[in-house]
Amino acid sequence: MLVAYKKLSDEDCQLALSHHLTIVAALHDILQYLFAHSQLGSAQARLGSRSNSQLSADWGGISGIG
């Protein structure tokens, strides 16, 4: 990124990098939400799934926890 902005002044370069970091942080949050939702095992999270089945917590008893 520094090579792309080498003709900018220091203040402008700092501002541009700050904007890029804001955008990357937002994209990171969106991806984190998507991955967390997919790990829940929701049937509607899968593409093309039209199943109306409801999810329930099944911990498998005492031996399944931990």
C-alpha atoms as a PDB file:
ATOM      1  CA  MET A   1       0.000   0.000   0.000  1.00  0.00           C
ATOM      2  CA  LEU A   2       2.844   2.353   0.697  1.00  0.00           C
ATOM      3  CA  VAL A   3       4.122   1.954  -2.858  1.00  0.00           C
ATOM      4  CA  ALA A   4       0.674   2.811  -4.233  1.00  0.00           C
ATOM      5  CA  TYR A   5       0.620   6.055  -2.240  1.00  0.00           C
ATOM      6  CA  LYS A   6       4.264   7.050  -2.477  1.00  0.00           C
ATOM      7  CA  LYS A   7       3.380  10.295  -4.299  1.00  0.00           C
ATOM      8  CA  LEU A   8       1.000  11.439  -1.561  1.00  0.00           C
ATOM      9  CA  SER A   9       2.002  13.556   1.362  1.00  0.00           C
ATOM     10  CA  ASP A  10       2.379  11.894   4.742  1.00  0.00           C
ATOM     11  CA  GLU A  11      -0.975  13.204   5.981  1.00  0.00           C
ATOM     12  CA  ASP A  12      -2.821  12.046   2.861  1.00  0.00           C
ATOM     13  CA  CYS A  13      -1.123   8.656   2.991  1.00  0.00           C
ATOM     14  CA  GLN A  14      -2.119   8.243   6.626  1.00  0.00           C
ATOM     15  CA  LEU A  15      -5.724   9.170   5.809  1.00  0.00           C
ATOM     16  CA  ALA A  16      -5.863   6.739   2.853  1.00  0.00           C
ATOM     17  CA  LEU A  17      -4.438   3.898   4.937  1.00  0.00           C
ATOM     18  CA  SER A  18      -6.914   4.655   7.702  1.00  0.00           C
ATOM     19  CA  HIS A  19      -9.804   4.395   5.228  1.00  0.00           C
ATOM     20  CA  HIS A  20      -8.463   1.114   3.873  1.00  0.00           C
ATOM     21  CA  LEU A  21      -8.179  -0.321   7.375  1.00  0.00           C
ATOM     22  CA  THR A  22     -11.774   0.678   8.105  1.00  0.00           C
ATOM     23  CA  ILE A  23     -12.966  -1.133   4.974  1.00  0.00           C
ATOM     24  CA  VAL A  24     -10.891  -4.245   5.706  1.00  0.00           C
ATOM     25  CA  ALA A  25     -12.157  -4.343   9.307  1.00  0.00           C
ATOM     26  CA  ALA A  26     -15.764  -4.206   8.090  1.00  0.00           C
ATOM     27  CA  LEU A  27     -15.148  -7.018   5.586  1.00  0.00           C
ATOM     28  CA  HIS A  28     -13.500  -9.065   8.328  1.00  0.00           C
ATOM     29  CA  ASP A  29     -16.566  -8.637  10.554  1.00  0.00           C
ATOM     30  CA  ILE A  30     -18.912  -9.704   7.752  1.00  0.00           C
ATOM     31  CA  LEU A  31     -16.855 -12.825   7.031  1.00  0.00           C
ATOM     32  CA  GLN A  32     -16.668 -13.630  10.723  1.00  0.00           C
ATOM     33  CA  TYR A  33     -20.475 -13.480  11.015  1.00  0.00           C
ATOM     34  CA  LEU A  34     -20.880 -15.692   7.935  1.00  0.00           C
ATOM     35  CA  PHE A  35     -18.460 -18.322   9.209  1.00  0.00           C
ATOM     36  CA  ALA A  36     -20.029 -18.304  12.669  1.00  0.00           C
ATOM     37  CA  HIS A  37     -23.488 -18.766  11.137  1.00  0.00           C
ATOM     38  CA  SER A  38     -22.291 -21.625   8.958  1.00  0.00           C
ATOM     39  CA  GLN A  39     -20.747 -23.370  11.961  1.00  0.00           C
ATOM     40  CA  LEU A  40     -24.114 -23.325  13.735  1.00  0.00           C
ATOM     41  CA  GLY A  41     -25.329 -25.918  11.245  1.00  0.00           C
ATOM     42  CA  SER A  42     -28.388 -23.978  10.191  1.00  0.00           C
ATOM     43  CA  ALA A  43     -30.172 -25.704   7.319  1.00  0.00           C
ATOM     44  CA  GLN A  44     -30.927 -22.336   5.740  1.00  0.00           C
ATOM     45  CA  ALA A  45     -27.258 -21.373   5.797  1.00  0.00           C
ATOM     46  CA  ARG A  46     -26.574 -23.915   3.059  1.00  0.00           C
ATOM     47  CA  LEU A  47     -27.164 -22.776  -0.485  1.00  0.00           C
ATOM     48  CA  GLY A  48     -30.160 -24.319  -2.179  1.00  0.00           C
ATOM     49  CA  SER A  49     -31.589 -25.800   0.997  1.00  0.00           C
ATOM     50  CA  ARG A  50     -35.366 -25.473   1.266  1.00  0.00           C
ATOM     51  CA  SER A  51     -35.759 -27.638   4.341  1.00  0.00           C
ATOM     52  CA  ASN A  52     -37.973 -26.205   7.073  1.00  0.00           C
ATOM     53  CA  SER A  53     -36.498 -28.391   9.781  1.00  0.00           C
ATOM     54  CA  GLN A  54     -35.910 -26.712  13.122  1.00  0.00           C
ATOM     55  CA  LEU A  55     -32.627 -26.972  14.956  1.00  0.00           C
ATOM     56  CA  SER A  56     -32.471 -28.249  18.485  1.00  0.00           C
ATOM     57  CA  ALA A  57     -29.649 -28.445  20.965  1.00  0.00           C
ATOM     58  CA  ASP A  58     -28.459 -32.030  21.261  1.00  0.00           C
ATOM     59  CA  TRP A  59     -25.513 -32.224  23.607  1.00  0.00           C
ATOM     60  CA  GLY A  60     -25.463 -36.021  23.683  1.00  0.00           C
ATOM     61  CA  GLY A  61     -25.897 -36.302  27.436  1.00  0.00           C
ATOM     62  CA  ILE A  62     -23.187 -35.939  30.031  1.00  0.00           C
ATOM     63  CA  SER A  63     -20.620 -37.785  27.943  1.00  0.00           C
ATOM     64  CA  GLY A  64     -21.130 -35.397  24.999  1.00  0.00           C
ATOM     65  CA  ILE A  65     -20.222 -32.251  26.945  1.00  0.00           C
ATOM     66  CA  GLY A  66     -16.580 -31.261  26.996  1.00  0.00           C
END
